[in-house]
Amino acid sequence: MILLASKSSGRLATLRAAGVEPLVRVSDVDEEAVLDELIRRRREAGLAAPTAAEQVQALARAKALDVMASTDPQEAEVVVGCDSMLEISGQVVGKPIDAADAHERWRMMSGSTGTLHTGHFLVRTADGAIAEGVSSATIRFGSPSQAEIEAYVASGEPLSCAGAFTIDGLGGAFIEGIDGDPHGVVGISLPLLRRLLANLDVVWTDLWAPPPMTRPADDAH
């Protein structure tokens, strides 16, 4: 059993579609404080500002460790934390602040290309062993009309998504193509997760939920 430290419905649906039924527990991490601390430490060390990949990894780590602190090893074998950000036109963006911000994002993204980074941080509950990695995919955005953008923002969907878009919902029609793992764009990369779990001695296929029991045909009425 794994415990997903995320409230993302997209991540949960992705795991369920892949045959994995995780526990879910949302962290109380202050994401802005985590990033501020990351920037401060790098500045004090004389290093450049953190990259998008480093930012999502720091947030994934913070979320996983926060949930790990209140998790009994009997509940789950591994805690999984994830976070996503879009890198486009030299900017790194997460979820839009409000509808106006989502509108501005789409004006910037329309007809452009960006990179969606998703950090993954896993902690084994028995001994605290960790495994981590980042999934990055290039997104080729379409050019929706102003009316389409307004309708999409009004739906509310982009307000809860990193980069203000989805590929597995209403926003999918506005994405022309993806170079990379599409699951990572939804929020959790299945092939990367499988490899990271293997590093913690967890076999992916052992996580598959058993199929629902059905009655033999001759018992049916």
N, C-alpha and C. Protein backbone atom coordinates (compact mmCIF):
# COMPACT_ATOMS: atom_id res chain seq x y z
N MET A 1 0.84 -1.19 0.00
CA MET A 1 0.00 0.00 0.00
C MET A 1 0.88 1.25 0.00
N ILE A 2 0.54 2.23 -0.85
CA ILE A 2 1.23 3.50 -0.82
C ILE A 2 0.27 4.58 -0.33
N LEU A 3 0.84 5.65 0.22
CA LEU A 3 0.05 6.78 0.70
C LEU A 3 0.41 7.99 -0.15
N LEU A 4 -0.57 8.55 -0.82
CA LEU A 4 -0.37 9.71 -1.68
C LEU A 4 -0.56 10.98 -0.86
N ALA A 5 0.51 11.77 -0.75
CA ALA A 5 0.46 13.02 0.03
C ALA A 5 0.03 14.16 -0.87
N SER A 6 -1.18 14.08 -1.37
CA SER A 6 -1.67 15.08 -2.34
C SER A 6 -3.19 15.06 -2.38
N LYS A 7 -3.79 16.24 -2.61
CA LYS A 7 -5.23 16.32 -2.78
C LYS A 7 -5.62 16.33 -4.25
N SER A 8 -4.65 16.16 -5.14
CA SER A 8 -4.91 16.22 -6.58
C SER A 8 -5.79 15.08 -7.05
N SER A 9 -6.95 15.42 -7.60
CA SER A 9 -7.84 14.39 -8.14
C SER A 9 -7.22 13.74 -9.38
N GLY A 10 -6.41 14.50 -10.13
CA GLY A 10 -5.76 13.95 -11.31
C GLY A 10 -4.76 12.87 -10.95
N ARG A 11 -3.96 13.11 -9.91
CA ARG A 11 -2.99 12.10 -9.48
C ARG A 11 -3.70 10.85 -8.98
N LEU A 12 -4.74 11.04 -8.19
CA LEU A 12 -5.47 9.89 -7.66
C LEU A 12 -6.11 9.09 -8.79
N ALA A 13 -6.73 9.78 -9.75
CA ALA A 13 -7.37 9.09 -10.87
C ALA A 13 -6.35 8.34 -11.72
N THR A 14 -5.16 8.93 -11.88
CA THR A 14 -4.11 8.28 -12.66
C THR A 14 -3.67 6.98 -12.01
N LEU A 15 -3.48 7.01 -10.69
CA LEU A 15 -3.09 5.79 -9.98
C LEU A 15 -4.19 4.74 -10.04
N ARG A 16 -5.41 5.17 -9.84
CA ARG A 16 -6.52 4.21 -9.88
C ARG A 16 -6.66 3.56 -11.25
N ALA A 17 -6.49 4.36 -12.30
CA ALA A 17 -6.59 3.81 -13.65
C ALA A 17 -5.48 2.80 -13.93
N ALA A 18 -4.36 2.94 -13.20
CA ALA A 18 -3.23 2.02 -13.37
C ALA A 18 -3.33 0.83 -12.42
N GLY A 19 -4.45 0.71 -11.71
CA GLY A 19 -4.66 -0.45 -10.84
C GLY A 19 -4.19 -0.29 -9.42
N VAL A 20 -3.81 0.94 -9.04
CA VAL A 20 -3.28 1.18 -7.69
C VAL A 20 -4.28 2.02 -6.91
N GLU A 21 -4.69 1.54 -5.75
CA GLU A 21 -5.64 2.25 -4.89
C GLU A 21 -4.88 2.74 -3.66
N PRO A 22 -4.39 4.00 -3.67
CA PRO A 22 -3.59 4.47 -2.54
C PRO A 22 -4.45 5.03 -1.41
N LEU A 23 -3.85 5.12 -0.25
CA LEU A 23 -4.40 5.97 0.80
C LEU A 23 -4.10 7.42 0.39
N VAL A 24 -4.87 8.36 0.88
CA VAL A 24 -4.64 9.77 0.56
C VAL A 24 -4.63 10.58 1.84
N ARG A 25 -3.61 11.40 2.00
CA ARG A 25 -3.53 12.30 3.15
C ARG A 25 -2.86 13.58 2.69
N VAL A 26 -3.51 14.71 2.86
CA VAL A 26 -2.99 15.99 2.38
C VAL A 26 -2.07 16.61 3.41
N SER A 27 -0.94 17.14 2.95
CA SER A 27 0.02 17.76 3.87
C SER A 27 -0.43 19.17 4.24
N ASP A 28 0.17 19.69 5.31
CA ASP A 28 -0.09 21.05 5.77
C ASP A 28 1.08 21.98 5.45
N VAL A 29 1.88 21.60 4.47
CA VAL A 29 3.08 22.37 4.15
C VAL A 29 2.73 23.75 3.60
N ASP A 30 3.47 24.76 4.06
CA ASP A 30 3.37 26.11 3.53
C ASP A 30 4.33 26.18 2.34
N GLU A 31 3.79 26.06 1.13
CA GLU A 31 4.62 25.95 -0.06
C GLU A 31 5.48 27.20 -0.27
N GLU A 32 4.92 28.36 -0.03
CA GLU A 32 5.69 29.60 -0.21
C GLU A 32 6.87 29.65 0.74
N ALA A 33 6.66 29.20 1.97
CA ALA A 33 7.75 29.20 2.96
C ALA A 33 8.85 28.22 2.55
N VAL A 34 8.45 27.07 1.99
CA VAL A 34 9.44 26.07 1.54
C VAL A 34 10.31 26.66 0.43
N LEU A 35 9.69 27.34 -0.52
CA LEU A 35 10.45 27.92 -1.63
C LEU A 35 11.32 29.08 -1.16
N ASP A 36 10.80 29.88 -0.24
CA ASP A 36 11.60 30.99 0.30
C ASP A 36 12.85 30.45 0.99
N GLU A 37 12.70 29.36 1.74
CA GLU A 37 13.83 28.76 2.43
C GLU A 37 14.83 28.19 1.44
N LEU A 38 14.34 27.57 0.37
CA LEU A 38 15.22 27.02 -0.67
C LEU A 38 16.05 28.13 -1.31
N ILE A 39 15.39 29.23 -1.65
CA ILE A 39 16.08 30.37 -2.27
C ILE A 39 17.11 30.96 -1.31
N ARG A 40 16.74 31.09 -0.03
CA ARG A 40 17.67 31.65 0.97
C ARG A 40 18.92 30.79 1.10
N ARG A 41 18.72 29.47 1.20
CA ARG A 41 19.88 28.58 1.37
C ARG A 41 20.81 28.65 0.16
N ARG A 42 20.24 28.71 -1.02
CA ARG A 42 21.08 28.77 -2.23
C ARG A 42 21.81 30.11 -2.31
N ARG A 43 21.12 31.17 -1.92
CA ARG A 43 21.76 32.48 -1.95
C ARG A 43 22.93 32.52 -0.97
N GLU A 44 22.72 31.97 0.24
CA GLU A 44 23.79 31.95 1.24
C GLU A 44 24.97 31.10 0.80
N ALA A 45 24.67 30.09 -0.03
CA ALA A 45 25.75 29.23 -0.53
C ALA A 45 26.39 29.79 -1.79
N GLY A 46 25.93 30.96 -2.23
CA GLY A 46 26.49 31.57 -3.43
C GLY A 46 26.06 30.89 -4.71
N LEU A 47 24.92 30.22 -4.67
CA LEU A 47 24.43 29.49 -5.83
C LEU A 47 23.35 30.29 -6.56
N ALA A 48 23.10 29.92 -7.80
CA ALA A 48 22.07 30.57 -8.60
C ALA A 48 20.70 30.22 -8.04
N ALA A 49 19.70 30.99 -8.47
CA ALA A 49 18.32 30.71 -8.04
C ALA A 49 17.93 29.29 -8.43
N PRO A 50 17.09 28.64 -7.65
CA PRO A 50 16.72 27.25 -7.95
C PRO A 50 15.97 27.14 -9.27
N THR A 51 16.25 26.07 -9.98
CA THR A 51 15.55 25.81 -11.23
C THR A 51 14.14 25.33 -10.93
N ALA A 52 13.32 25.26 -11.98
CA ALA A 52 11.96 24.76 -11.81
C ALA A 52 11.98 23.34 -11.26
N ALA A 53 12.89 22.51 -11.79
CA ALA A 53 12.99 21.12 -11.33
C ALA A 53 13.36 21.06 -9.86
N GLU A 54 14.26 21.94 -9.43
CA GLU A 54 14.67 21.96 -8.01
C GLU A 54 13.52 22.44 -7.12
N GLN A 55 12.72 23.36 -7.62
CA GLN A 55 11.60 23.86 -6.84
C GLN A 55 10.53 22.79 -6.63
N VAL A 56 10.15 22.09 -7.70
CA VAL A 56 9.12 21.06 -7.53
C VAL A 56 9.62 19.91 -6.68
N GLN A 57 10.92 19.64 -6.76
CA GLN A 57 11.46 18.55 -5.95
C GLN A 57 11.47 18.94 -4.48
N ALA A 58 11.78 20.21 -4.18
CA ALA A 58 11.76 20.67 -2.79
C ALA A 58 10.36 20.58 -2.21
N LEU A 59 9.36 20.95 -3.01
CA LEU A 59 7.98 20.90 -2.53
C LEU A 59 7.50 19.46 -2.37
N ALA A 60 7.86 18.59 -3.31
CA ALA A 60 7.47 17.18 -3.20
C ALA A 60 8.08 16.56 -1.94
N ARG A 61 9.33 16.91 -1.68
CA ARG A 61 10.01 16.40 -0.48
C ARG A 61 9.31 16.88 0.79
N ALA A 62 9.01 18.18 0.85
CA ALA A 62 8.37 18.73 2.03
C ALA A 62 7.03 18.07 2.30
N LYS A 63 6.25 17.86 1.25
CA LYS A 63 4.93 17.25 1.41
C LYS A 63 5.04 15.81 1.90
N ALA A 64 5.95 15.05 1.29
CA ALA A 64 6.10 13.65 1.69
C ALA A 64 6.57 13.52 3.13
N LEU A 65 7.56 14.33 3.52
CA LEU A 65 8.09 14.24 4.88
C LEU A 65 7.08 14.71 5.91
N ASP A 66 6.27 15.71 5.54
CA ASP A 66 5.23 16.19 6.46
C ASP A 66 4.21 15.09 6.75
N VAL A 67 3.76 14.41 5.71
CA VAL A 67 2.78 13.33 5.88
C VAL A 67 3.42 12.12 6.55
N MET A 68 4.68 11.86 6.19
CA MET A 68 5.41 10.73 6.78
C MET A 68 5.45 10.83 8.30
N ALA A 69 5.56 12.05 8.82
CA ALA A 69 5.69 12.26 10.27
C ALA A 69 4.48 11.77 11.04
N SER A 70 3.33 11.68 10.38
CA SER A 70 2.11 11.24 11.07
C SER A 70 1.58 9.91 10.53
N THR A 71 2.45 9.15 9.86
CA THR A 71 2.02 7.90 9.26
C THR A 71 2.63 6.70 9.97
N ASP A 72 1.79 5.77 10.35
CA ASP A 72 2.24 4.53 10.97
C ASP A 72 2.67 3.57 9.86
N PRO A 73 3.84 2.91 10.01
CA PRO A 73 4.28 1.95 8.99
C PRO A 73 3.26 0.86 8.69
N GLN A 74 2.35 0.62 9.63
CA GLN A 74 1.32 -0.39 9.39
C GLN A 74 0.26 0.11 8.40
N GLU A 75 0.18 1.43 8.23
CA GLU A 75 -0.81 2.00 7.31
C GLU A 75 -0.38 1.87 5.86
N ALA A 76 0.88 2.21 5.61
CA ALA A 76 1.36 2.24 4.22
C ALA A 76 2.86 1.96 4.20
N GLU A 77 3.30 1.35 3.12
CA GLU A 77 4.72 1.02 2.98
C GLU A 77 5.55 2.22 2.55
N VAL A 78 4.95 3.05 1.69
CA VAL A 78 5.68 4.19 1.13
C VAL A 78 4.76 5.40 1.06
N VAL A 79 5.30 6.58 1.42
CA VAL A 79 4.59 7.85 1.25
C VAL A 79 5.12 8.51 -0.02
N VAL A 80 4.21 8.99 -0.87
CA VAL A 80 4.60 9.60 -2.14
C VAL A 80 4.16 11.07 -2.16
N GLY A 81 5.12 11.97 -2.31
CA GLY A 81 4.82 13.39 -2.45
C GLY A 81 5.12 13.85 -3.86
N CYS A 82 4.29 14.73 -4.41
CA CYS A 82 4.49 15.25 -5.77
C CYS A 82 4.19 16.74 -5.83
N ASP A 83 4.79 17.42 -6.78
CA ASP A 83 4.43 18.81 -7.05
C ASP A 83 4.79 19.13 -8.50
N SER A 84 4.00 20.02 -9.11
CA SER A 84 4.20 20.35 -10.52
C SER A 84 4.27 21.86 -10.73
N MET A 85 5.08 22.26 -11.71
CA MET A 85 5.17 23.65 -12.14
C MET A 85 5.43 23.70 -13.64
N LEU A 86 4.96 24.78 -14.25
CA LEU A 86 5.17 25.00 -15.68
C LEU A 86 6.27 26.03 -15.87
N GLU A 87 7.21 25.73 -16.75
CA GLU A 87 8.27 26.66 -17.11
C GLU A 87 8.01 27.14 -18.54
N ILE A 88 7.78 28.45 -18.71
CA ILE A 88 7.45 28.98 -20.03
C ILE A 88 7.91 30.43 -20.14
N SER A 89 8.51 30.75 -21.26
CA SER A 89 8.98 32.12 -21.53
C SER A 89 9.85 32.65 -20.41
N GLY A 90 10.70 31.79 -19.86
CA GLY A 90 11.61 32.20 -18.81
C GLY A 90 10.99 32.34 -17.44
N GLN A 91 9.71 32.00 -17.32
CA GLN A 91 9.03 32.09 -16.04
C GLN A 91 8.68 30.70 -15.52
N VAL A 92 8.61 30.58 -14.19
CA VAL A 92 8.19 29.33 -13.55
C VAL A 92 6.89 29.63 -12.82
N VAL A 93 5.83 28.92 -13.18
CA VAL A 93 4.52 29.22 -12.60
C VAL A 93 3.86 27.96 -12.05
N GLY A 94 3.11 28.15 -10.99
CA GLY A 94 2.32 27.07 -10.42
C GLY A 94 0.86 27.29 -10.74
N LYS A 95 0.00 27.14 -9.74
CA LYS A 95 -1.43 27.38 -9.96
C LYS A 95 -1.68 28.89 -10.08
N PRO A 96 -2.61 29.31 -10.93
CA PRO A 96 -2.93 30.73 -11.01
C PRO A 96 -3.56 31.22 -9.72
N ILE A 97 -3.34 32.50 -9.41
CA ILE A 97 -3.87 33.08 -8.18
C ILE A 97 -5.38 33.23 -8.26
N ASP A 98 -5.86 33.67 -9.44
CA ASP A 98 -7.29 33.90 -9.62
C ASP A 98 -7.62 33.83 -11.11
N ALA A 99 -8.87 34.14 -11.45
CA ALA A 99 -9.30 34.05 -12.86
C ALA A 99 -8.51 35.00 -13.75
N ALA A 100 -8.22 36.20 -13.26
CA ALA A 100 -7.46 37.16 -14.06
C ALA A 100 -6.06 36.63 -14.36
N ASP A 101 -5.46 35.97 -13.36
CA ASP A 101 -4.13 35.38 -13.55
C ASP A 101 -4.20 34.25 -14.58
N ALA A 102 -5.26 33.44 -14.52
CA ALA A 102 -5.43 32.34 -15.48
C ALA A 102 -5.57 32.89 -16.90
N HIS A 103 -6.33 33.98 -17.07
CA HIS A 103 -6.45 34.63 -18.37
C HIS A 103 -5.08 35.05 -18.89
N GLU A 104 -4.29 35.67 -18.02
CA GLU A 104 -2.97 36.15 -18.42
C GLU A 104 -2.06 34.98 -18.80
N ARG A 105 -2.15 33.89 -18.05
CA ARG A 105 -1.35 32.71 -18.37
C ARG A 105 -1.66 32.22 -19.78
N TRP A 106 -2.95 32.16 -20.10
CA TRP A 106 -3.32 31.63 -21.41
C TRP A 106 -2.96 32.58 -22.54
N ARG A 107 -2.94 33.86 -22.28
CA ARG A 107 -2.46 34.80 -23.29
C ARG A 107 -0.98 34.56 -23.57
N MET A 108 -0.24 34.19 -22.52
CA MET A 108 1.19 33.91 -22.67
C MET A 108 1.42 32.54 -23.31
N MET A 109 0.62 31.54 -22.94
CA MET A 109 0.84 30.17 -23.40
C MET A 109 0.33 29.91 -24.82
N SER A 110 -0.70 30.63 -25.22
CA SER A 110 -1.35 30.37 -26.50
C SER A 110 -0.35 30.37 -27.66
N GLY A 111 -0.31 29.24 -28.39
CA GLY A 111 0.58 29.09 -29.53
C GLY A 111 2.04 28.91 -29.16
N SER A 112 2.35 28.74 -27.86
CA SER A 112 3.74 28.63 -27.39
C SER A 112 4.06 27.21 -26.94
N THR A 113 5.27 27.05 -26.48
CA THR A 113 5.75 25.77 -25.95
C THR A 113 6.29 25.99 -24.55
N GLY A 114 5.99 25.08 -23.65
CA GLY A 114 6.49 25.15 -22.28
C GLY A 114 6.91 23.78 -21.79
N THR A 115 7.49 23.74 -20.62
CA THR A 115 7.92 22.47 -20.01
C THR A 115 7.25 22.31 -18.66
N LEU A 116 6.56 21.20 -18.50
CA LEU A 116 5.89 20.90 -17.23
C LEU A 116 6.79 19.96 -16.43
N HIS A 117 7.19 20.40 -15.26
CA HIS A 117 8.05 19.61 -14.37
C HIS A 117 7.22 19.07 -13.21
N THR A 118 7.37 17.79 -12.91
CA THR A 118 6.71 17.20 -11.75
C THR A 118 7.74 16.48 -10.89
N GLY A 119 7.88 16.97 -9.66
CA GLY A 119 8.80 16.34 -8.73
C GLY A 119 8.13 15.19 -7.99
N HIS A 120 8.90 14.15 -7.72
CA HIS A 120 8.42 12.98 -6.98
C HIS A 120 9.39 12.70 -5.84
N PHE A 121 8.87 12.52 -4.63
CA PHE A 121 9.70 12.20 -3.48
C PHE A 121 9.01 11.09 -2.70
N LEU A 122 9.71 9.97 -2.53
CA LEU A 122 9.16 8.80 -1.86
C LEU A 122 9.93 8.51 -0.58
N VAL A 123 9.20 8.14 0.47
CA VAL A 123 9.81 7.77 1.74
C VAL A 123 9.25 6.43 2.19
N ARG A 124 10.14 5.49 2.49
CA ARG A 124 9.71 4.20 3.01
C ARG A 124 9.45 4.36 4.51
N THR A 125 8.25 4.00 4.93
CA THR A 125 7.85 4.27 6.31
C THR A 125 8.61 3.43 7.34
N ALA A 126 9.08 2.27 6.96
CA ALA A 126 9.74 1.38 7.92
C ALA A 126 11.07 1.94 8.41
N ASP A 127 11.82 2.59 7.49
CA ASP A 127 13.17 3.02 7.88
C ASP A 127 13.56 4.41 7.37
N GLY A 128 12.65 5.10 6.68
CA GLY A 128 12.96 6.45 6.21
C GLY A 128 13.80 6.51 4.96
N ALA A 129 14.03 5.36 4.30
CA ALA A 129 14.77 5.38 3.05
C ALA A 129 14.00 6.19 2.01
N ILE A 130 14.73 6.89 1.13
CA ILE A 130 14.08 7.76 0.17
C ILE A 130 14.47 7.43 -1.26
N ALA A 131 13.63 7.89 -2.18
CA ALA A 131 13.92 7.82 -3.62
C ALA A 131 13.24 9.03 -4.24
N GLU A 132 13.89 9.68 -5.18
CA GLU A 132 13.31 10.89 -5.75
C GLU A 132 13.70 11.07 -7.21
N GLY A 133 12.89 11.86 -7.93
CA GLY A 133 13.17 12.14 -9.33
C GLY A 133 12.17 13.13 -9.88
N VAL A 134 12.51 13.71 -11.03
CA VAL A 134 11.66 14.70 -11.67
C VAL A 134 11.30 14.23 -13.07
N SER A 135 10.03 14.34 -13.40
CA SER A 135 9.54 14.05 -14.74
C SER A 135 9.30 15.38 -15.45
N SER A 136 9.84 15.55 -16.65
CA SER A 136 9.68 16.80 -17.41
C SER A 136 9.17 16.48 -18.80
N ALA A 137 8.18 17.23 -19.24
CA ALA A 137 7.60 17.02 -20.56
C ALA A 137 7.36 18.36 -21.25
N THR A 138 7.59 18.39 -22.55
CA THR A 138 7.37 19.60 -23.34
C THR A 138 5.92 19.65 -23.80
N ILE A 139 5.27 20.78 -23.59
CA ILE A 139 3.86 20.96 -23.95
C ILE A 139 3.76 21.93 -25.11
N ARG A 140 3.05 21.52 -26.17
CA ARG A 140 2.81 22.42 -27.30
C ARG A 140 1.36 22.90 -27.21
N PHE A 141 1.19 24.16 -26.85
CA PHE A 141 -0.14 24.71 -26.64
C PHE A 141 -0.78 25.15 -27.95
N GLY A 142 -2.08 24.93 -28.05
CA GLY A 142 -2.84 25.41 -29.19
C GLY A 142 -3.10 26.90 -29.06
N SER A 143 -3.93 27.41 -29.95
CA SER A 143 -4.26 28.84 -29.93
C SER A 143 -5.77 29.01 -29.83
N PRO A 144 -6.33 28.76 -28.66
CA PRO A 144 -7.78 28.92 -28.49
C PRO A 144 -8.19 30.38 -28.67
N SER A 145 -9.42 30.58 -29.11
CA SER A 145 -9.94 31.93 -29.27
C SER A 145 -10.14 32.58 -27.91
N GLN A 146 -10.33 33.89 -27.91
CA GLN A 146 -10.57 34.59 -26.66
C GLN A 146 -11.82 34.05 -25.97
N ALA A 147 -12.85 33.77 -26.78
CA ALA A 147 -14.09 33.24 -26.22
C ALA A 147 -13.86 31.86 -25.59
N GLU A 148 -13.01 31.03 -26.21
CA GLU A 148 -12.71 29.71 -25.66
C GLU A 148 -11.93 29.84 -24.35
N ILE A 149 -10.99 30.78 -24.32
CA ILE A 149 -10.22 30.99 -23.09
C ILE A 149 -11.13 31.45 -21.97
N GLU A 150 -12.03 32.38 -22.28
CA GLU A 150 -12.96 32.89 -21.27
C GLU A 150 -13.85 31.77 -20.74
N ALA A 151 -14.33 30.92 -21.63
CA ALA A 151 -15.18 29.80 -21.22
C ALA A 151 -14.40 28.81 -20.37
N TYR A 152 -13.13 28.57 -20.74
CA TYR A 152 -12.31 27.62 -19.99
C TYR A 152 -12.03 28.15 -18.59
N VAL A 153 -11.66 29.41 -18.49
CA VAL A 153 -11.39 30.00 -17.17
C VAL A 153 -12.67 30.01 -16.32
N ALA A 154 -13.79 30.32 -16.95
CA ALA A 154 -15.08 30.35 -16.24
C ALA A 154 -15.46 28.98 -15.70
N SER A 155 -14.96 27.91 -16.32
CA SER A 155 -15.27 26.55 -15.85
C SER A 155 -14.64 26.28 -14.49
N GLY A 156 -13.61 27.04 -14.15
CA GLY A 156 -12.93 26.86 -12.87
C GLY A 156 -11.80 25.85 -12.90
N GLU A 157 -11.74 25.02 -13.94
CA GLU A 157 -10.73 23.97 -13.98
C GLU A 157 -9.30 24.49 -13.91
N PRO A 158 -8.92 25.51 -14.70
CA PRO A 158 -7.52 25.93 -14.69
C PRO A 158 -7.06 26.56 -13.38
N LEU A 159 -7.99 26.95 -12.52
CA LEU A 159 -7.61 27.60 -11.27
C LEU A 159 -6.96 26.63 -10.28
N SER A 160 -7.17 25.34 -10.47
CA SER A 160 -6.63 24.36 -9.53
C SER A 160 -5.49 23.54 -10.13
N CYS A 161 -4.95 24.02 -11.27
CA CYS A 161 -3.94 23.23 -11.98
C CYS A 161 -2.64 24.01 -12.16
N ALA A 162 -1.52 23.34 -11.99
CA ALA A 162 -0.24 23.96 -12.27
C ALA A 162 -0.19 24.36 -13.74
N GLY A 163 0.14 25.62 -14.00
CA GLY A 163 0.18 26.08 -15.38
C GLY A 163 -1.15 26.49 -15.93
N ALA A 164 -2.22 26.32 -15.17
CA ALA A 164 -3.58 26.70 -15.58
C ALA A 164 -4.11 25.88 -16.74
N PHE A 165 -3.74 24.59 -16.78
CA PHE A 165 -4.28 23.74 -17.83
C PHE A 165 -4.25 22.28 -17.38
N THR A 166 -5.05 21.47 -18.05
CA THR A 166 -5.01 20.02 -17.87
C THR A 166 -4.93 19.37 -19.24
N ILE A 167 -4.54 18.11 -19.26
CA ILE A 167 -4.64 17.34 -20.51
C ILE A 167 -5.70 16.25 -20.38
N ASP A 168 -6.17 16.03 -19.16
CA ASP A 168 -7.12 14.94 -18.91
C ASP A 168 -8.51 15.48 -18.57
N GLY A 169 -8.76 16.73 -18.93
CA GLY A 169 -10.06 17.33 -18.65
C GLY A 169 -10.46 18.27 -19.76
N LEU A 170 -11.11 19.36 -19.40
CA LEU A 170 -11.59 20.31 -20.40
C LEU A 170 -10.46 20.93 -21.20
N GLY A 171 -9.29 21.09 -20.58
CA GLY A 171 -8.17 21.73 -21.26
C GLY A 171 -7.49 20.89 -22.30
N GLY A 172 -7.80 19.60 -22.35
CA GLY A 172 -7.12 18.72 -23.29
C GLY A 172 -7.27 19.14 -24.75
N ALA A 173 -8.39 19.76 -25.09
CA ALA A 173 -8.63 20.17 -26.48
C ALA A 173 -7.74 21.33 -26.90
N PHE A 174 -7.11 22.00 -25.92
CA PHE A 174 -6.27 23.15 -26.23
C PHE A 174 -4.78 22.81 -26.24
N ILE A 175 -4.46 21.53 -26.12
CA ILE A 175 -3.07 21.06 -26.13
C ILE A 175 -2.81 20.32 -27.44
N GLU A 176 -1.87 20.82 -28.23
CA GLU A 176 -1.59 20.23 -29.54
C GLU A 176 -0.72 18.98 -29.47
N GLY A 177 0.14 18.92 -28.47
CA GLY A 177 1.01 17.75 -28.38
C GLY A 177 1.87 17.79 -27.14
N ILE A 178 2.42 16.63 -26.80
CA ILE A 178 3.28 16.49 -25.62
C ILE A 178 4.48 15.63 -25.98
N ASP A 179 5.66 16.09 -25.63
CA ASP A 179 6.88 15.30 -25.79
C ASP A 179 7.35 14.92 -24.39
N GLY A 180 7.11 13.67 -24.02
CA GLY A 180 7.42 13.21 -22.67
C GLY A 180 6.29 12.36 -22.14
N ASP A 181 6.35 12.05 -20.86
CA ASP A 181 5.34 11.20 -20.24
C ASP A 181 4.06 12.00 -19.94
N PRO A 182 2.94 11.68 -20.58
CA PRO A 182 1.70 12.44 -20.32
C PRO A 182 1.21 12.28 -18.88
N HIS A 183 1.52 11.16 -18.24
CA HIS A 183 1.10 10.99 -16.84
C HIS A 183 1.78 12.03 -15.95
N GLY A 184 3.04 12.34 -16.26
CA GLY A 184 3.74 13.35 -15.50
C GLY A 184 3.09 14.71 -15.64
N VAL A 185 2.49 14.97 -16.80
CA VAL A 185 1.79 16.24 -17.01
C VAL A 185 0.52 16.28 -16.17
N VAL A 186 -0.14 15.16 -16.01
CA VAL A 186 -1.32 15.10 -15.14
C VAL A 186 -0.91 15.33 -13.69
N GLY A 187 0.31 14.91 -13.34
CA GLY A 187 0.78 15.18 -11.99
C GLY A 187 1.56 14.07 -11.32
N ILE A 188 1.60 12.87 -11.94
CA ILE A 188 2.39 11.79 -11.36
C ILE A 188 2.81 10.85 -12.49
N SER A 189 4.12 10.71 -12.68
CA SER A 189 4.64 9.89 -13.77
C SER A 189 4.67 8.42 -13.35
N LEU A 190 3.88 7.61 -14.03
CA LEU A 190 3.81 6.19 -13.66
C LEU A 190 5.13 5.45 -13.90
N PRO A 191 5.80 5.63 -15.05
CA PRO A 191 7.06 4.91 -15.22
C PRO A 191 8.15 5.36 -14.23
N LEU A 192 8.19 6.66 -13.94
CA LEU A 192 9.17 7.13 -12.95
C LEU A 192 8.81 6.59 -11.57
N LEU A 193 7.53 6.62 -11.21
CA LEU A 193 7.10 6.11 -9.92
C LEU A 193 7.44 4.64 -9.78
N ARG A 194 7.25 3.87 -10.84
CA ARG A 194 7.57 2.43 -10.79
C ARG A 194 9.06 2.23 -10.51
N ARG A 195 9.92 3.02 -11.16
CA ARG A 195 11.36 2.89 -10.96
C ARG A 195 11.76 3.31 -9.55
N LEU A 196 11.17 4.38 -9.05
CA LEU A 196 11.51 4.84 -7.71
C LEU A 196 11.06 3.84 -6.65
N LEU A 197 9.88 3.27 -6.84
CA LEU A 197 9.40 2.24 -5.90
C LEU A 197 10.33 1.03 -5.91
N ALA A 198 10.82 0.67 -7.09
CA ALA A 198 11.74 -0.47 -7.18
C ALA A 198 13.02 -0.20 -6.38
N ASN A 199 13.45 1.08 -6.36
CA ASN A 199 14.62 1.44 -5.56
C ASN A 199 14.38 1.25 -4.07
N LEU A 200 13.10 1.23 -3.68
CA LEU A 200 12.73 1.01 -2.28
C LEU A 200 12.22 -0.41 -2.05
N ASP A 201 12.51 -1.28 -3.01
CA ASP A 201 12.16 -2.71 -2.92
C ASP A 201 10.65 -2.95 -2.93
N VAL A 202 9.92 -2.09 -3.61
CA VAL A 202 8.48 -2.27 -3.78
C VAL A 202 8.21 -2.60 -5.23
N VAL A 203 7.58 -3.73 -5.47
CA VAL A 203 7.29 -4.18 -6.83
C VAL A 203 5.97 -3.57 -7.29
N TRP A 204 6.00 -2.90 -8.42
CA TRP A 204 4.82 -2.18 -8.92
C TRP A 204 3.60 -3.08 -9.02
N THR A 205 3.76 -4.25 -9.60
CA THR A 205 2.60 -5.12 -9.81
C THR A 205 2.01 -5.65 -8.51
N ASP A 206 2.80 -5.62 -7.43
CA ASP A 206 2.26 -6.03 -6.13
C ASP A 206 1.26 -5.01 -5.59
N LEU A 207 1.28 -3.80 -6.15
CA LEU A 207 0.37 -2.75 -5.70
C LEU A 207 -0.98 -2.80 -6.40
N TRP A 208 -1.07 -3.59 -7.45
CA TRP A 208 -2.34 -3.65 -8.18
C TRP A 208 -3.45 -4.16 -7.27
N ALA A 209 -4.54 -3.43 -7.26
CA ALA A 209 -5.69 -3.85 -6.47
C ALA A 209 -6.30 -5.11 -7.07
N PRO A 210 -6.75 -6.03 -6.24
CA PRO A 210 -7.37 -7.25 -6.78
C PRO A 210 -8.65 -6.90 -7.53
N PRO A 211 -8.95 -7.65 -8.60
CA PRO A 211 -10.19 -7.38 -9.34
C PRO A 211 -11.40 -7.68 -8.48
N PRO A 212 -12.51 -7.00 -8.72
CA PRO A 212 -13.72 -7.27 -7.93
C PRO A 212 -14.19 -8.69 -8.13
N MET A 213 -14.68 -9.29 -7.06
CA MET A 213 -15.15 -10.67 -7.15
C MET A 213 -16.48 -10.72 -7.88
N THR A 214 -16.62 -11.71 -8.73
CA THR A 214 -17.87 -11.90 -9.46
C THR A 214 -18.40 -13.30 -9.16
N ARG A 215 -19.70 -13.43 -9.17
CA ARG A 215 -20.30 -14.74 -8.92
C ARG A 215 -20.15 -15.63 -10.15
N PRO A 216 -19.96 -16.91 -9.97
CA PRO A 216 -19.95 -17.82 -11.11
C PRO A 216 -21.24 -17.68 -11.91
N ALA A 217 -21.11 -17.90 -13.20
CA ALA A 217 -22.25 -17.72 -14.10
C ALA A 217 -23.43 -18.59 -13.70
N ASP A 218 -23.17 -19.81 -13.21
CA ASP A 218 -24.31 -20.70 -12.89
C ASP A 218 -24.98 -20.31 -11.58
N ASP A 219 -24.37 -19.33 -10.84
CA ASP A 219 -25.03 -18.85 -9.61
C ASP A 219 -25.92 -17.65 -9.87
N ALA A 220 -25.79 -17.10 -11.08
CA ALA A 220 -26.55 -15.89 -11.39
C ALA A 220 -28.00 -16.24 -11.64
N HIS A 221 -28.89 -15.34 -11.30
CA HIS A 221 -30.32 -15.57 -11.52
C HIS A 221 -30.88 -14.46 -12.40
